[in-house]
Amino acid sequence: PSLDANTLLWYKIANNWKKHATAAIQKFMERFDFKDFQVDQDLWENVKCRSNQFKLPGLVNVVHLPTENKVVIVGEWSNVLDASTKLQDILKKAKEELENERN
C-alpha cells in the first residue's frame, strides 16, 4: 500500500496530538500533591472532630486510612500545604492532650 498526502498528514497530526496531550496531562497533574501523617487510632479519634472544624482551602480532601495508621491530605499543592500546616498543629495539640490524659 502506498502512503498518500492525507495519510502522512494524519500521521503527523496523531503524533503531535500525543505529545500535546501528554504535556497537558502532565501540567494538570503537577497542580496536585498529597501529604500524609502517621496517626494511631486514639489520636485520630481525638482529631477527627477537630479536622472537620477547620476550613479546607479550595480543592482539598482529608482521608483516614486506618489500616495504615495514616491521614492523607490530597488536592491542589498550595491548598495541601495550607491544610497540612493546620492539620499538623491540630495533631500536635491532640497528641499533647492525649499524653496529659494518660499521665
Protein backbone atom coordinates (compact mmCIF):
# COMPACT_ATOMS: atom_id res chain seq x y z
CA PRO A 1 0.00 0.00 0.00
CA SER A 2 1.15 3.49 -0.77
CA LEU A 3 1.02 6.48 1.56
CA ASP A 4 -0.75 9.48 0.14
CA ALA A 5 -0.54 13.07 1.42
CA ASN A 6 -3.64 12.66 3.62
CA THR A 7 -2.24 9.59 5.35
CA LEU A 8 1.02 11.40 6.09
CA LEU A 9 -0.90 14.42 7.38
CA TRP A 10 -2.98 12.23 9.72
CA TYR A 11 0.19 10.54 10.98
CA LYS A 12 1.76 13.93 11.75
CA ILE A 13 -1.41 15.18 13.48
CA ALA A 14 -1.66 12.00 15.57
CA ASN A 15 2.00 12.21 16.56
CA ASN A 16 1.69 15.88 17.57
CA TRP A 17 -1.60 15.21 19.38
CA LYS A 18 0.07 12.57 21.54
CA LYS A 19 2.88 14.98 22.51
CA HIS A 20 0.43 17.82 23.28
CA ALA A 21 -1.97 15.57 25.20
CA THR A 22 0.87 14.13 27.29
CA ALA A 23 2.20 17.63 28.09
CA ALA A 24 -1.29 18.87 29.02
CA ILE A 25 -1.94 15.92 31.34
CA GLN A 26 1.47 16.34 32.95
CA LYS A 27 0.85 20.05 33.54
CA PHE A 28 -2.55 19.25 35.05
CA MET A 29 -1.12 16.58 37.37
CA GLU A 30 1.63 18.94 38.58
CA ARG A 31 -1.08 21.10 40.18
CA PHE A 32 -1.85 18.37 42.71
CA ASP A 33 0.00 16.95 45.69
CA PHE A 34 -0.53 14.96 48.86
CA LYS A 35 0.85 14.89 52.37
CA ASP A 36 0.43 12.02 54.79
CA PHE A 37 0.67 11.88 58.57
CA GLN A 38 1.15 8.88 60.83
CA VAL A 39 -1.64 8.70 63.42
CA ASP A 40 -2.69 5.94 65.76
CA GLN A 41 -6.36 5.21 66.31
CA ASP A 42 -6.61 7.05 69.65
CA LEU A 43 -5.02 10.16 68.19
CA TRP A 44 -7.29 10.06 65.15
CA GLU A 45 -10.42 9.72 67.28
CA ASN A 46 -9.32 12.82 69.18
CA VAL A 47 -8.51 14.75 65.99
CA LYS A 48 -11.39 13.58 63.81
CA CYS A 49 -13.94 16.08 65.13
CA ARG A 50 -11.39 18.92 65.02
CA SER A 51 -10.34 18.23 61.43
CA ASN A 52 -13.97 18.70 60.39
CA GLN A 53 -13.94 22.11 62.06
CA PHE A 54 -11.13 23.75 60.12
CA LYS A 55 -12.00 25.10 56.73
CA LEU A 56 -10.30 23.27 53.89
CA PRO A 57 -8.99 25.68 51.28
CA GLY A 58 -10.01 25.06 47.69
CA LEU A 59 -9.85 21.54 46.36
CA VAL A 60 -8.59 19.52 49.34
CA ASN A 61 -9.72 16.27 50.89
CA VAL A 62 -8.66 14.57 54.14
CA VAL A 63 -8.71 10.78 54.05
CA HIS A 64 -8.16 8.47 57.03
CA LEU A 65 -6.50 5.13 56.24
CA PRO A 66 -6.98 3.14 59.46
CA THR A 67 -5.20 0.00 58.26
CA GLU A 68 -2.06 2.08 57.61
CA ASN A 69 -2.50 4.41 60.61
CA LYS A 70 -2.34 7.39 58.26
CA VAL A 71 -4.23 10.53 57.44
CA VAL A 72 -3.69 11.79 53.90
CA ILE A 73 -4.43 15.26 52.57
CA VAL A 74 -4.83 15.45 48.79
CA GLY A 75 -5.60 18.36 46.49
CA GLU A 76 -4.04 21.32 44.74
CA TRP A 77 -0.49 21.70 46.02
CA SER A 78 -0.85 25.18 47.55
CA ASN A 79 -4.04 24.15 49.34
CA VAL A 80 -2.42 20.92 50.55
CA LEU A 81 0.38 22.98 52.03
CA ASP A 82 -2.07 25.22 53.93
CA ALA A 83 -4.27 22.34 55.09
CA SER A 84 -1.30 20.21 56.15
CA THR A 85 0.04 23.05 58.30
CA LYS A 86 -3.34 23.36 60.03
CA LEU A 87 -3.69 19.61 60.49
CA GLN A 88 -0.15 19.34 61.80
CA ASP A 89 -0.96 21.91 64.50
CA ILE A 90 -4.17 20.05 65.41
CA LEU A 91 -2.28 16.73 65.59
CA LYS A 92 0.39 18.25 67.81
CA LYS A 93 -2.15 19.69 70.26
CA ALA A 94 -4.19 16.49 70.33
CA LYS A 95 -1.08 14.40 70.93
CA GLU A 96 -0.10 16.62 73.87
CA GLU A 97 -3.63 16.35 75.30
CA LEU A 98 -3.59 12.55 75.00
CA GLU A 99 -0.21 12.38 76.73
CA ASN A 100 -1.52 14.59 79.55
CA GLU A 101 -4.62 12.40 79.94
CA ARG A 102 -2.50 9.25 80.11
CA ASN A 103 -0.23 10.69 82.81
